Amino acid sequence: MPKHIQITSILLIDQNNMFLDAFTLLVNSYEEFNVIKSTQSGFDGLKYNISLNPDIIIISGKFVDIDVITFFEELSIQNKKTKIIILSESLSDHFIRASLDFGVLGIVSMQNSVEILRKAIQKVSKGKKYYCEVFSPLIIDSIQSKESASSPSFEKYNRLSSREKQVMIAMLRGLCIHEISDLLGISPKTVSAHKSNLFAKLEIKSMINLFELGKELELEY
């Protein structure tokens, strides 16, 4: 008896029509996903969210007619609790803050592999968060800025460099040294050096300690 597959419906919004066509073909190559509509217009995207009721909206951060912050505001008025994934090359701290305030569940870099995007869609479709390694440190810092960050654990975490935070998040995701090397485009030797440095700064001695700290800090990875 064939296994039932839950199809995730996707609305795609981006200002580049060629990107929309290519991305639609890519996503639809997976049988569990279905891009039901794509558009260059943020206003049309808002209309399609009501009429088509997609499981997920994937946006690139740029539309032909309105800015994304306005899109978020209009989307919140619809009160449909739509799941959002942002796919972008670069994000400002202001944009990340606005996205988190709105409740964006997924942020993925265009430099990530197709499998990373697939994992993000799978997680977000279940209401879980997924932030890729490229943006995770910025997101964590944005979350921390809203808190007092006065605990010893937060103080230790704040000692880490941006690259050390990226390595830390990748390690928490279970990646090995060589996988992190490929992901971040640095040598295994450099990854090992970052690992040693972040262990020293965090004052921990094992991966068990790292996972305990990640849980205490409520890091999203």
N, C-alpha and C. Protein backbone atom coordinates (compact mmCIF):
# COMPACT_ATOMS: atom_id res chain seq x y z
N MET A 1 0.85 -1.20 0.00
CA MET A 1 0.00 0.00 0.00
C MET A 1 0.88 1.25 0.00
N PRO A 2 0.70 2.16 -0.95
CA PRO A 2 1.56 3.35 -1.03
C PRO A 2 1.40 4.24 0.19
N LYS A 3 2.53 4.81 0.62
CA LYS A 3 2.53 5.69 1.78
C LYS A 3 1.91 7.03 1.43
N HIS A 4 1.02 7.50 2.30
CA HIS A 4 0.38 8.80 2.06
C HIS A 4 1.38 9.93 2.29
N ILE A 5 1.45 10.86 1.36
CA ILE A 5 2.37 11.99 1.47
C ILE A 5 1.58 13.27 1.71
N GLN A 6 1.93 13.97 2.78
CA GLN A 6 1.29 15.24 3.08
C GLN A 6 1.91 16.32 2.20
N ILE A 7 1.11 16.94 1.36
CA ILE A 7 1.60 17.97 0.44
C ILE A 7 1.58 19.34 1.12
N THR A 8 2.71 20.02 1.08
CA THR A 8 2.81 21.38 1.61
C THR A 8 2.62 22.38 0.46
N SER A 9 1.57 23.19 0.54
CA SER A 9 1.32 24.18 -0.52
C SER A 9 2.10 25.46 -0.24
N ILE A 10 2.68 26.03 -1.28
CA ILE A 10 3.59 27.17 -1.13
C ILE A 10 3.19 28.31 -2.06
N LEU A 11 3.19 29.51 -1.50
CA LEU A 11 3.03 30.74 -2.28
C LEU A 11 4.39 31.41 -2.33
N LEU A 12 4.87 31.72 -3.51
CA LEU A 12 6.20 32.29 -3.71
C LEU A 12 6.10 33.73 -4.21
N ILE A 13 6.82 34.65 -3.53
CA ILE A 13 6.79 36.07 -3.93
C ILE A 13 8.21 36.59 -4.07
N ASP A 14 8.51 37.14 -5.25
CA ASP A 14 9.83 37.70 -5.52
C ASP A 14 9.71 38.65 -6.70
N GLN A 15 10.54 39.68 -6.74
CA GLN A 15 10.46 40.67 -7.81
C GLN A 15 11.02 40.17 -9.14
N ASN A 16 11.81 39.10 -9.10
CA ASN A 16 12.46 38.59 -10.31
C ASN A 16 11.68 37.42 -10.89
N ASN A 17 11.10 37.63 -12.07
CA ASN A 17 10.26 36.61 -12.68
C ASN A 17 11.03 35.36 -13.09
N MET A 18 12.28 35.53 -13.53
CA MET A 18 13.10 34.38 -13.90
C MET A 18 13.39 33.52 -12.68
N PHE A 19 13.63 34.19 -11.53
CA PHE A 19 13.86 33.45 -10.29
C PHE A 19 12.61 32.67 -9.90
N LEU A 20 11.45 33.29 -10.05
CA LEU A 20 10.20 32.63 -9.70
C LEU A 20 10.03 31.34 -10.50
N ASP A 21 10.29 31.41 -11.81
CA ASP A 21 10.13 30.24 -12.67
C ASP A 21 11.10 29.14 -12.28
N ALA A 22 12.37 29.50 -12.06
CA ALA A 22 13.40 28.51 -11.73
C ALA A 22 13.14 27.90 -10.36
N PHE A 23 12.76 28.74 -9.41
CA PHE A 23 12.53 28.26 -8.05
C PHE A 23 11.30 27.35 -8.00
N THR A 24 10.29 27.69 -8.76
CA THR A 24 9.08 26.86 -8.80
C THR A 24 9.40 25.46 -9.31
N LEU A 25 10.19 25.37 -10.37
CA LEU A 25 10.58 24.07 -10.91
C LEU A 25 11.39 23.28 -9.90
N LEU A 26 12.28 23.98 -9.20
CA LEU A 26 13.14 23.33 -8.21
C LEU A 26 12.32 22.76 -7.06
N VAL A 27 11.46 23.57 -6.48
CA VAL A 27 10.66 23.13 -5.32
C VAL A 27 9.68 22.05 -5.72
N ASN A 28 9.08 22.19 -6.88
CA ASN A 28 8.09 21.20 -7.32
C ASN A 28 8.72 19.87 -7.71
N SER A 29 10.05 19.81 -7.76
CA SER A 29 10.72 18.53 -8.05
C SER A 29 10.60 17.58 -6.87
N TYR A 30 10.24 18.11 -5.70
CA TYR A 30 9.99 17.28 -4.52
C TYR A 30 8.49 17.01 -4.44
N GLU A 31 8.13 15.74 -4.33
CA GLU A 31 6.71 15.38 -4.38
C GLU A 31 5.91 15.88 -3.19
N GLU A 32 6.60 16.23 -2.08
CA GLU A 32 5.86 16.70 -0.90
C GLU A 32 5.56 18.19 -0.93
N PHE A 33 6.08 18.90 -1.94
CA PHE A 33 5.85 20.35 -2.05
C PHE A 33 5.08 20.69 -3.32
N ASN A 34 4.30 21.77 -3.25
CA ASN A 34 3.58 22.23 -4.44
C ASN A 34 3.47 23.75 -4.40
N VAL A 35 4.17 24.42 -5.32
CA VAL A 35 4.05 25.87 -5.45
C VAL A 35 2.74 26.14 -6.17
N ILE A 36 1.74 26.59 -5.42
CA ILE A 36 0.39 26.77 -6.00
C ILE A 36 0.26 28.11 -6.73
N LYS A 37 1.16 29.05 -6.40
CA LYS A 37 1.12 30.36 -7.09
C LYS A 37 2.43 31.09 -6.85
N SER A 38 2.86 31.85 -7.85
CA SER A 38 4.02 32.72 -7.70
C SER A 38 3.67 34.09 -8.25
N THR A 39 4.23 35.12 -7.64
CA THR A 39 3.92 36.48 -8.07
C THR A 39 5.07 37.43 -7.73
N GLN A 40 5.17 38.50 -8.50
CA GLN A 40 6.17 39.54 -8.23
C GLN A 40 5.62 40.62 -7.30
N SER A 41 4.32 40.58 -7.08
CA SER A 41 3.64 41.64 -6.34
C SER A 41 3.32 41.25 -4.90
N GLY A 42 3.72 42.11 -3.96
CA GLY A 42 3.37 41.89 -2.57
C GLY A 42 1.88 42.02 -2.33
N PHE A 43 1.24 42.98 -3.00
CA PHE A 43 -0.20 43.17 -2.85
C PHE A 43 -0.97 41.95 -3.38
N ASP A 44 -0.53 41.42 -4.53
CA ASP A 44 -1.17 40.22 -5.05
C ASP A 44 -0.93 39.04 -4.11
N GLY A 45 0.26 39.00 -3.53
CA GLY A 45 0.57 37.94 -2.58
C GLY A 45 -0.39 37.94 -1.40
N LEU A 46 -0.74 39.13 -0.92
CA LEU A 46 -1.70 39.25 0.18
C LEU A 46 -3.07 38.72 -0.24
N LYS A 47 -3.46 39.02 -1.49
CA LYS A 47 -4.75 38.53 -1.99
C LYS A 47 -4.74 37.00 -2.12
N TYR A 48 -3.62 36.45 -2.64
CA TYR A 48 -3.53 35.01 -2.82
C TYR A 48 -3.49 34.29 -1.47
N ASN A 49 -2.93 34.95 -0.45
CA ASN A 49 -2.90 34.33 0.87
C ASN A 49 -4.32 34.07 1.38
N ILE A 50 -5.24 34.97 1.04
CA ILE A 50 -6.63 34.81 1.46
C ILE A 50 -7.36 33.80 0.57
N SER A 51 -7.20 33.94 -0.75
CA SER A 51 -7.97 33.09 -1.67
C SER A 51 -7.44 31.67 -1.78
N LEU A 52 -6.12 31.49 -1.66
CA LEU A 52 -5.52 30.17 -1.85
C LEU A 52 -5.15 29.47 -0.55
N ASN A 53 -5.00 30.24 0.52
CA ASN A 53 -4.69 29.71 1.84
C ASN A 53 -3.48 28.75 1.83
N PRO A 54 -2.31 29.23 1.41
CA PRO A 54 -1.13 28.36 1.34
C PRO A 54 -0.64 27.97 2.74
N ASP A 55 0.06 26.84 2.82
CA ASP A 55 0.65 26.43 4.09
C ASP A 55 1.82 27.34 4.45
N ILE A 56 2.59 27.73 3.43
CA ILE A 56 3.79 28.54 3.64
C ILE A 56 3.90 29.60 2.56
N ILE A 57 4.36 30.79 2.94
CA ILE A 57 4.74 31.82 1.97
C ILE A 57 6.25 31.95 2.02
N ILE A 58 6.89 31.84 0.85
CA ILE A 58 8.34 32.05 0.77
C ILE A 58 8.56 33.37 0.05
N ILE A 59 9.31 34.27 0.70
CA ILE A 59 9.59 35.58 0.11
C ILE A 59 11.09 35.81 0.06
N SER A 60 11.52 36.63 -0.89
CA SER A 60 12.94 36.92 -1.03
C SER A 60 13.35 38.21 -0.33
N GLY A 61 12.38 39.01 0.06
CA GLY A 61 12.70 40.29 0.71
C GLY A 61 12.50 41.48 -0.19
N LYS A 62 12.21 41.24 -1.48
CA LYS A 62 12.00 42.36 -2.41
C LYS A 62 10.82 42.06 -3.33
N PHE A 63 9.87 43.01 -3.40
CA PHE A 63 8.72 42.89 -4.29
C PHE A 63 8.74 44.07 -5.27
N VAL A 64 7.90 44.01 -6.30
CA VAL A 64 7.88 45.08 -7.29
C VAL A 64 7.06 46.29 -6.83
N ASP A 65 6.23 46.12 -5.80
CA ASP A 65 5.33 47.22 -5.46
C ASP A 65 5.43 47.75 -4.03
N ILE A 66 5.56 46.87 -3.02
CA ILE A 66 5.62 47.34 -1.64
C ILE A 66 6.85 46.77 -0.94
N ASP A 67 7.25 47.40 0.17
CA ASP A 67 8.37 46.87 0.94
C ASP A 67 7.88 45.74 1.83
N VAL A 68 8.81 44.91 2.30
CA VAL A 68 8.45 43.72 3.04
C VAL A 68 7.84 44.05 4.40
N ILE A 69 8.31 45.11 5.06
CA ILE A 69 7.77 45.48 6.37
C ILE A 69 6.27 45.81 6.24
N THR A 70 5.93 46.56 5.19
CA THR A 70 4.51 46.87 4.94
C THR A 70 3.74 45.58 4.66
N PHE A 71 4.38 44.68 3.92
CA PHE A 71 3.76 43.38 3.64
C PHE A 71 3.44 42.64 4.94
N PHE A 72 4.41 42.63 5.86
CA PHE A 72 4.21 41.98 7.16
C PHE A 72 3.02 42.60 7.90
N GLU A 73 2.98 43.95 7.89
CA GLU A 73 1.91 44.65 8.60
C GLU A 73 0.54 44.30 8.02
N GLU A 74 0.45 44.28 6.69
CA GLU A 74 -0.81 43.94 6.04
C GLU A 74 -1.17 42.48 6.28
N LEU A 75 -0.16 41.63 6.30
CA LEU A 75 -0.40 40.21 6.53
C LEU A 75 -0.93 39.97 7.94
N SER A 76 -0.40 40.73 8.91
CA SER A 76 -0.85 40.57 10.29
C SER A 76 -2.32 40.96 10.45
N ILE A 77 -2.78 41.90 9.63
CA ILE A 77 -4.19 42.33 9.67
C ILE A 77 -5.10 41.18 9.22
N GLN A 78 -4.61 40.37 8.30
CA GLN A 78 -5.40 39.22 7.84
C GLN A 78 -5.61 38.19 8.94
N ASN A 79 -4.70 38.18 9.91
CA ASN A 79 -4.83 37.30 11.09
C ASN A 79 -5.01 35.83 10.70
N LYS A 80 -4.20 35.36 9.73
CA LYS A 80 -4.31 33.97 9.29
C LYS A 80 -3.18 33.09 9.84
N LYS A 81 -2.28 33.71 10.61
CA LYS A 81 -1.16 32.97 11.21
C LYS A 81 -0.37 32.21 10.15
N THR A 82 -0.11 32.89 9.05
CA THR A 82 0.59 32.28 7.93
C THR A 82 2.05 32.02 8.28
N LYS A 83 2.55 30.86 7.90
CA LYS A 83 3.96 30.52 8.14
C LYS A 83 4.80 31.15 7.03
N ILE A 84 5.90 31.79 7.44
CA ILE A 84 6.75 32.51 6.48
C ILE A 84 8.17 31.98 6.49
N ILE A 85 8.75 31.85 5.29
CA ILE A 85 10.18 31.59 5.14
C ILE A 85 10.77 32.71 4.31
N ILE A 86 11.86 33.29 4.78
CA ILE A 86 12.57 34.33 4.02
C ILE A 86 13.79 33.68 3.37
N LEU A 87 13.94 33.89 2.07
CA LEU A 87 15.08 33.38 1.31
C LEU A 87 15.84 34.58 0.78
N SER A 88 17.05 34.81 1.28
CA SER A 88 17.76 36.04 0.92
C SER A 88 19.27 35.85 0.92
N GLU A 89 19.97 36.75 0.25
CA GLU A 89 21.43 36.73 0.23
C GLU A 89 22.00 37.43 1.46
N SER A 90 21.35 38.51 1.88
CA SER A 90 21.83 39.27 3.04
C SER A 90 20.64 39.96 3.71
N LEU A 91 20.74 40.10 5.04
CA LEU A 91 19.67 40.72 5.81
C LEU A 91 20.25 41.71 6.80
N SER A 92 19.61 42.86 6.93
CA SER A 92 20.04 43.84 7.91
C SER A 92 19.51 43.46 9.28
N ASP A 93 20.14 44.00 10.31
CA ASP A 93 19.68 43.74 11.68
C ASP A 93 18.25 44.23 11.86
N HIS A 94 17.93 45.38 11.25
CA HIS A 94 16.58 45.94 11.35
C HIS A 94 15.56 44.98 10.73
N PHE A 95 15.92 44.43 9.58
CA PHE A 95 15.00 43.51 8.89
C PHE A 95 14.80 42.24 9.71
N ILE A 96 15.88 41.73 10.30
CA ILE A 96 15.78 40.53 11.12
C ILE A 96 14.87 40.77 12.31
N ARG A 97 15.04 41.92 12.97
CA ARG A 97 14.20 42.25 14.13
C ARG A 97 12.72 42.30 13.74
N ALA A 98 12.45 42.95 12.61
CA ALA A 98 11.06 43.06 12.15
C ALA A 98 10.50 41.68 11.81
N SER A 99 11.32 40.84 11.20
CA SER A 99 10.88 39.50 10.84
C SER A 99 10.56 38.66 12.07
N LEU A 100 11.43 38.74 13.08
CA LEU A 100 11.20 37.98 14.30
C LEU A 100 9.98 38.51 15.05
N ASP A 101 9.81 39.83 15.05
CA ASP A 101 8.64 40.42 15.72
C ASP A 101 7.35 39.93 15.06
N PHE A 102 7.40 39.78 13.74
CA PHE A 102 6.22 39.31 13.02
C PHE A 102 5.96 37.82 13.27
N GLY A 103 7.03 37.09 13.54
CA GLY A 103 6.88 35.66 13.78
C GLY A 103 7.36 34.78 12.65
N VAL A 104 8.27 35.31 11.83
CA VAL A 104 8.84 34.51 10.74
C VAL A 104 9.53 33.28 11.32
N LEU A 105 9.21 32.11 10.79
CA LEU A 105 9.74 30.86 11.34
C LEU A 105 11.01 30.38 10.64
N GLY A 106 11.19 30.78 9.39
CA GLY A 106 12.35 30.29 8.66
C GLY A 106 13.11 31.39 7.95
N ILE A 107 14.43 31.36 8.06
CA ILE A 107 15.30 32.29 7.33
C ILE A 107 16.43 31.47 6.73
N VAL A 108 16.52 31.50 5.40
CA VAL A 108 17.49 30.68 4.68
C VAL A 108 18.27 31.54 3.70
N SER A 109 19.55 31.25 3.57
CA SER A 109 20.39 31.98 2.62
C SER A 109 20.26 31.37 1.23
N MET A 110 20.31 32.23 0.21
CA MET A 110 20.29 31.73 -1.17
C MET A 110 21.55 30.92 -1.49
N GLN A 111 22.56 31.04 -0.63
CA GLN A 111 23.79 30.27 -0.83
C GLN A 111 23.67 28.85 -0.29
N ASN A 112 22.62 28.59 0.48
CA ASN A 112 22.43 27.26 1.04
C ASN A 112 22.06 26.25 -0.05
N SER A 113 22.28 24.98 0.26
CA SER A 113 21.94 23.92 -0.69
C SER A 113 20.43 23.72 -0.75
N VAL A 114 20.00 23.01 -1.77
CA VAL A 114 18.58 22.70 -1.94
C VAL A 114 18.08 21.87 -0.75
N GLU A 115 18.93 20.99 -0.23
CA GLU A 115 18.52 20.15 0.88
C GLU A 115 18.28 20.97 2.15
N ILE A 116 19.06 22.04 2.34
CA ILE A 116 18.84 22.92 3.49
C ILE A 116 17.48 23.59 3.36
N LEU A 117 17.16 24.06 2.16
CA LEU A 117 15.86 24.69 1.92
C LEU A 117 14.74 23.68 2.15
N ARG A 118 14.95 22.46 1.68
CA ARG A 118 13.94 21.41 1.88
C ARG A 118 13.70 21.17 3.37
N LYS A 119 14.79 21.11 4.13
CA LYS A 119 14.67 20.90 5.57
C LYS A 119 13.93 22.05 6.23
N ALA A 120 14.22 23.27 5.77
CA ALA A 120 13.55 24.45 6.32
C ALA A 120 12.04 24.39 6.07
N ILE A 121 11.65 24.04 4.84
CA ILE A 121 10.22 23.95 4.51
C ILE A 121 9.54 22.86 5.34
N GLN A 122 10.22 21.73 5.49
CA GLN A 122 9.65 20.63 6.27
C GLN A 122 9.42 21.05 7.72
N LYS A 123 10.41 21.73 8.31
CA LYS A 123 10.28 22.14 9.71
C LYS A 123 9.22 23.22 9.89
N VAL A 124 9.27 24.24 9.04
CA VAL A 124 8.33 25.36 9.17
C VAL A 124 6.90 24.88 8.93
N SER A 125 6.70 23.93 8.03
CA SER A 125 5.35 23.41 7.77
C SER A 125 4.74 22.77 9.02
N LYS A 126 5.61 22.33 9.94
CA LYS A 126 5.16 21.72 11.20
C LYS A 126 5.12 22.74 12.34
N GLY A 127 5.35 24.01 12.00
CA GLY A 127 5.31 25.06 13.01
C GLY A 127 6.59 25.22 13.78
N LYS A 128 7.68 24.60 13.30
CA LYS A 128 8.97 24.71 13.97
C LYS A 128 9.82 25.80 13.30
N LYS A 129 10.85 26.25 14.02
CA LYS A 129 11.72 27.30 13.49
C LYS A 129 12.93 26.70 12.80
N TYR A 130 13.40 27.40 11.77
CA TYR A 130 14.63 26.99 11.11
C TYR A 130 15.38 28.22 10.62
N TYR A 131 16.55 28.47 11.22
CA TYR A 131 17.39 29.59 10.82
C TYR A 131 18.74 29.02 10.38
N CYS A 132 19.15 29.29 9.15
CA CYS A 132 20.39 28.73 8.64
C CYS A 132 21.60 29.31 9.36
N GLU A 133 22.73 28.61 9.25
CA GLU A 133 23.94 29.00 9.97
C GLU A 133 24.41 30.41 9.64
N VAL A 134 24.19 30.84 8.39
CA VAL A 134 24.67 32.15 7.96
C VAL A 134 24.04 33.28 8.78
N PHE A 135 22.73 33.13 9.07
CA PHE A 135 22.01 34.19 9.77
C PHE A 135 21.78 33.92 11.25
N SER A 136 22.03 32.69 11.71
CA SER A 136 21.72 32.34 13.10
C SER A 136 22.36 33.27 14.13
N PRO A 137 23.66 33.61 14.01
CA PRO A 137 24.24 34.52 15.01
C PRO A 137 23.54 35.89 15.07
N LEU A 138 23.17 36.43 13.89
CA LEU A 138 22.46 37.71 13.86
C LEU A 138 21.11 37.59 14.53
N ILE A 139 20.44 36.47 14.30
CA ILE A 139 19.12 36.26 14.88
C ILE A 139 19.21 36.11 16.39
N ILE A 140 20.18 35.33 16.84
CA ILE A 140 20.37 35.15 18.28
C ILE A 140 20.70 36.47 18.94
N ASP A 141 21.57 37.27 18.30
CA ASP A 141 21.92 38.57 18.86
C ASP A 141 20.69 39.49 18.93
N SER A 142 19.83 39.42 17.92
CA SER A 142 18.62 40.24 17.92
C SER A 142 17.68 39.84 19.05
N ILE A 143 17.57 38.53 19.30
CA ILE A 143 16.74 38.04 20.39
C ILE A 143 17.32 38.49 21.72
N GLN A 144 18.63 38.38 21.85
CA GLN A 144 19.28 38.75 23.10
C GLN A 144 19.13 40.23 23.42
N SER A 145 19.11 41.07 22.38
CA SER A 145 19.05 42.51 22.61
C SER A 145 17.75 42.92 23.28
N LYS A 146 16.74 42.04 23.21
CA LYS A 146 15.46 42.33 23.83
C LYS A 146 15.46 41.95 25.31
N GLU A 147 16.49 41.21 25.71
CA GLU A 147 16.57 40.74 27.08
C GLU A 147 17.69 41.45 27.82
N SER A 148 17.75 41.23 29.08
CA SER A 148 18.79 41.88 29.90
C SER A 148 20.15 41.29 29.60
N ALA A 149 20.18 40.02 29.20
CA ALA A 149 21.44 39.33 28.89
C ALA A 149 22.44 39.48 30.01
N SER A 150 21.97 39.45 31.25
CA SER A 150 22.83 39.68 32.40
C SER A 150 23.33 38.38 33.02
N SER A 151 22.83 37.23 32.57
CA SER A 151 23.25 35.97 33.17
C SER A 151 24.67 35.64 32.75
N PRO A 152 25.40 34.87 33.57
CA PRO A 152 26.77 34.48 33.22
C PRO A 152 26.86 33.76 31.88
N SER A 153 25.83 32.93 31.56
CA SER A 153 25.86 32.19 30.30
C SER A 153 25.77 33.12 29.10
N PHE A 154 24.90 34.14 29.18
CA PHE A 154 24.80 35.12 28.09
C PHE A 154 26.10 35.91 27.96
N GLU A 155 26.70 36.25 29.08
CA GLU A 155 27.95 37.00 29.04
C GLU A 155 29.05 36.18 28.35
N LYS A 156 29.08 34.89 28.63
CA LYS A 156 30.06 34.01 27.98
C LYS A 156 29.79 33.92 26.48
N TYR A 157 28.51 33.75 26.14
CA TYR A 157 28.15 33.65 24.72
C TYR A 157 28.55 34.91 23.97
N ASN A 158 28.39 36.05 24.59
CA ASN A 158 28.70 37.32 23.94
C ASN A 158 30.19 37.52 23.71
N ARG A 159 31.01 36.66 24.30
CA ARG A 159 32.46 36.73 24.06
C ARG A 159 32.82 36.18 22.68
N LEU A 160 31.94 35.37 22.12
CA LEU A 160 32.25 34.70 20.86
C LEU A 160 32.22 35.67 19.68
N SER A 161 33.08 35.40 18.72
CA SER A 161 33.06 36.16 17.47
C SER A 161 31.90 35.66 16.61
N SER A 162 31.59 36.39 15.55
CA SER A 162 30.51 35.98 14.65
C SER A 162 30.78 34.61 14.05
N ARG A 163 32.02 34.35 13.64
CA ARG A 163 32.37 33.05 13.05
C ARG A 163 32.28 31.94 14.08
N GLU A 164 32.70 32.21 15.31
CA GLU A 164 32.61 31.20 16.38
C GLU A 164 31.15 30.85 16.67
N LYS A 165 30.28 31.84 16.58
CA LYS A 165 28.84 31.58 16.78
C LYS A 165 28.30 30.69 15.65
N GLN A 166 28.76 30.93 14.42
CA GLN A 166 28.33 30.11 13.30
C GLN A 166 28.77 28.66 13.50
N VAL A 167 30.01 28.48 13.93
CA VAL A 167 30.53 27.14 14.19
C VAL A 167 29.75 26.48 15.33
N MET A 168 29.45 27.25 16.35
CA MET A 168 28.69 26.72 17.49
C MET A 168 27.32 26.21 17.05
N ILE A 169 26.61 27.01 16.25
CA ILE A 169 25.28 26.61 15.78
C ILE A 169 25.37 25.35 14.93
N ALA A 170 26.38 25.30 14.07
CA ALA A 170 26.56 24.13 13.21
C ALA A 170 26.84 22.88 14.05
N MET A 171 27.63 23.04 15.10
CA MET A 171 27.92 21.91 15.99
C MET A 171 26.66 21.46 16.72
N LEU A 172 25.85 22.41 17.14
CA LEU A 172 24.60 22.07 17.82
C LEU A 172 23.65 21.32 16.90
N ARG A 173 23.81 21.55 15.59
CA ARG A 173 22.99 20.84 14.61
C ARG A 173 23.54 19.46 14.29
N GLY A 174 24.67 19.12 14.91
CA GLY A 174 25.22 17.77 14.74
C GLY A 174 26.19 17.62 13.60
N LEU A 175 26.65 18.72 13.02
CA LEU A 175 27.60 18.63 11.91
C LEU A 175 29.01 18.33 12.42
N CYS A 176 29.76 17.55 11.66
CA CYS A 176 31.14 17.24 12.03
C CYS A 176 32.07 18.34 11.50
N ILE A 177 33.34 18.25 11.84
CA ILE A 177 34.33 19.26 11.46
C ILE A 177 34.36 19.48 9.94
N HIS A 178 34.41 18.37 9.18
CA HIS A 178 34.51 18.49 7.72
C HIS A 178 33.22 19.05 7.11
N GLU A 179 32.07 18.70 7.68
CA GLU A 179 30.80 19.23 7.19
C GLU A 179 30.71 20.74 7.45
N ILE A 180 31.19 21.17 8.61
CA ILE A 180 31.20 22.61 8.92
C ILE A 180 32.17 23.33 7.99
N SER A 181 33.28 22.69 7.71
CA SER A 181 34.28 23.25 6.79
C SER A 181 33.66 23.51 5.42
N ASP A 182 32.93 22.53 4.89
CA ASP A 182 32.27 22.68 3.59
C ASP A 182 31.18 23.75 3.65
N LEU A 183 30.43 23.76 4.73
CA LEU A 183 29.31 24.70 4.88
C LEU A 183 29.78 26.15 4.91
N LEU A 184 30.83 26.41 5.69
CA LEU A 184 31.28 27.79 5.90
C LEU A 184 32.41 28.20 4.96
N GLY A 185 32.92 27.26 4.18
CA GLY A 185 33.98 27.59 3.23
C GLY A 185 35.30 27.90 3.88
N ILE A 186 35.60 27.21 4.97
CA ILE A 186 36.88 27.37 5.68
C ILE A 186 37.50 26.00 5.86
N SER A 187 38.79 25.96 6.18
CA SER A 187 39.48 24.68 6.30
C SER A 187 39.09 23.95 7.58
N PRO A 188 39.20 22.63 7.60
CA PRO A 188 38.92 21.86 8.82
C PRO A 188 39.79 22.31 9.99
N LYS A 189 41.05 22.69 9.68
CA LYS A 189 41.96 23.16 10.72
C LYS A 189 41.41 24.44 11.36
N THR A 190 40.86 25.33 10.53
CA THR A 190 40.29 26.58 11.06
C THR A 190 39.04 26.29 11.89
N VAL A 191 38.23 25.35 11.44
CA VAL A 191 37.04 24.96 12.21
C VAL A 191 37.45 24.44 13.58
N SER A 192 38.47 23.59 13.60
CA SER A 192 38.96 23.04 14.87
C SER A 192 39.46 24.15 15.80
N ALA A 193 40.12 25.15 15.21
CA ALA A 193 40.62 26.27 16.00
C ALA A 193 39.46 27.06 16.60
N HIS A 194 38.42 27.29 15.79
CA HIS A 194 37.23 28.00 16.29
C HIS A 194 36.55 27.20 17.40
N LYS A 195 36.52 25.87 17.22
CA LYS A 195 35.90 25.01 18.23
C LYS A 195 36.65 25.13 19.56
N SER A 196 37.99 25.08 19.49
CA SER A 196 38.79 25.19 20.70
C SER A 196 38.60 26.55 21.37
N ASN A 197 38.56 27.59 20.54
CA ASN A 197 38.39 28.95 21.08
C ASN A 197 37.03 29.13 21.74
N LEU A 198 35.97 28.64 21.09
CA LEU A 198 34.64 28.84 21.66
C LEU A 198 34.44 27.99 22.92
N PHE A 199 35.05 26.81 22.96
CA PHE A 199 34.99 26.00 24.18
C PHE A 199 35.66 26.74 25.34
N ALA A 200 36.81 27.38 25.04
CA ALA A 200 37.54 28.12 26.08
C ALA A 200 36.74 29.33 26.55
N LYS A 201 36.17 30.08 25.61
CA LYS A 201 35.40 31.27 25.97
C LYS A 201 34.13 30.93 26.74
N LEU A 202 33.51 29.80 26.38
CA LEU A 202 32.28 29.38 27.05
C LEU A 202 32.57 28.62 28.35
N GLU A 203 33.86 28.30 28.54
CA GLU A 203 34.30 27.57 29.74
C GLU A 203 33.62 26.21 29.85
N ILE A 204 33.63 25.49 28.72
CA ILE A 204 33.06 24.15 28.67
C ILE A 204 34.12 23.18 28.16
N LYS A 205 33.88 21.88 28.38
CA LYS A 205 34.88 20.88 28.01
C LYS A 205 34.35 19.77 27.09
N SER A 206 33.05 19.75 26.84
CA SER A 206 32.50 18.66 26.03
C SER A 206 31.28 19.11 25.25
N MET A 207 30.87 18.27 24.28
CA MET A 207 29.67 18.56 23.51
C MET A 207 28.43 18.51 24.39
N ILE A 208 28.47 17.68 25.42
CA ILE A 208 27.34 17.62 26.36
C ILE A 208 27.16 18.99 27.01
N ASN A 209 28.28 19.60 27.42
CA ASN A 209 28.23 20.94 28.01
C ASN A 209 27.68 21.95 27.01
N LEU A 210 28.08 21.79 25.72
CA LEU A 210 27.64 22.72 24.69
C LEU A 210 26.13 22.62 24.48
N PHE A 211 25.61 21.41 24.42
CA PHE A 211 24.16 21.22 24.26
C PHE A 211 23.40 21.76 25.47
N GLU A 212 23.94 21.57 26.65
CA GLU A 212 23.30 22.09 27.87
C GLU A 212 23.24 23.61 27.82
N LEU A 213 24.34 24.23 27.36
CA LEU A 213 24.39 25.69 27.26
C LEU A 213 23.43 26.19 26.19
N GLY A 214 23.37 25.48 25.05
CA GLY A 214 22.45 25.86 23.99
C GLY A 214 21.01 25.82 24.47
N LYS A 215 20.68 24.82 25.26
CA LYS A 215 19.33 24.71 25.82
C LYS A 215 19.05 25.83 26.81
N GLU A 216 20.05 26.14 27.64
CA GLU A 216 19.89 27.21 28.63
C GLU A 216 19.68 28.56 27.95
N LEU A 217 20.40 28.79 26.87
CA LEU A 217 20.30 30.06 26.15
C LEU A 217 19.09 30.10 25.21
N GLU A 218 18.42 28.96 25.08
CA GLU A 218 17.25 28.83 24.22
C GLU A 218 17.59 29.21 22.78
N LEU A 219 18.75 28.71 22.32
CA LEU A 219 19.19 29.00 20.96
C LEU A 219 18.34 28.23 19.96
N GLU A 220 17.99 28.89 18.85
CA GLU A 220 17.24 28.24 17.78
C GLU A 220 18.22 27.74 16.75
N TYR A 221 18.27 26.40 16.57
CA TYR A 221 19.21 25.86 15.58
C TYR A 221 18.62 24.67 14.86
